[in-house]
């Protein structure tokens, strides 16, 4: 917060000059403001690193309350040393990027373009990403821009085929560990585009990378993609009436597999809840799916989704039902949760939790996001809802 205020003041100072009779006039040079904002971030980080070096020695020598107080101060220094680029990126986004020298200002350009490429202005994100790849094809942000930022921006804009084409350019130069993930992503986009044969061919390439985990995830996808949805065979429904995902009357069904003990899965329950509220009227049906576990985590409310809740061990099956009821109530979930047998997880070839299955209007599995990718699932759901 202090950094943002400082930058705001600095940018205002740089962006204003004196006009006639001493009246303030807006400076038409946003490039200077961006340079000043970038320098402010660097100065803040340098100061944080200098402070951090001093604290380490003092913390190691201190004891008791003094040591605890120093640790808190050191944590603050760590945050300063990692000051976000956001204030700078906001200014940089409004500049003519060609005004910066790629040779003498490469670091500024690299950070600025990468920041804009991850931003919400999708047209600018694509333009910044492509300029970054042209200037820094092997830079530290190149892989993420080539394989994620640009394809996702294109997909958000509704250009699914363009996203597929862009992602193809990222696959060949990638190292095996990265190539496996990119091929999974590419196959998922092809599946959403209705090209199931192409998706399966893409998934099949993953085995050649030698990456066992991604190979298994690809095989799981192939098992269910394009197949009619399977009934959930739930033994218990919590927080709503039973839903037959094989008969959703032309709606899109989101089936979210989760477990309370998995932090990432708890986070997805919140994402699915938001999606359900936002997209219910557009035709989305949302179902949470879990199976009986002997352990779990119970937050008192959404503020404890990550930390502060109660870890539970040694639950019996009947205890687990009450546990899920409490989780559903405490987290204020608006969709029903089914407690299913292991066979339902097998039917959908679920490996990790969380996993998200999207069933299209035709009743067939249109997407398998495993492990679940919140951003991608949200865009994919809107894409499927828009299709007639």
Foldseek 3Di string as FASTA:
>chain_A
DVLLVVLVVVLVVVQWDADPPRDIDGRPDLVVSLVRNVVSLVVQLVVLVVVLVVLVVVLVPDDDPVNVVSVVVNVVSVCSNCPDCVSSLVSLLPDDLVVDDCVVCVVSLLVNLLVQLQDDPLVSVQVSLVVNCVSCVPDPCNLCSQQPSNLLSCLLVVNLVVSLVSLVVNQVVDQLVSNLVSLQVSLQSCLLVVNNVVSLVSLVCNVVSVDPVSNLVSVLCNLARQAFDDAQQFPDKAQDDDDGLNCLQLAKEKEWEAAQADLVQLVVLVLLQVCCVVCVVLGYAYEYEYEDDQWHWADQAPVPSPHDTDTGGGDDRVRVVVRVNRNCVRHVRNHMYGHGDVVSCVSSSADDPTWMWMAASVRGTRGIQVNNDSSVVSSSNVSRSPDD
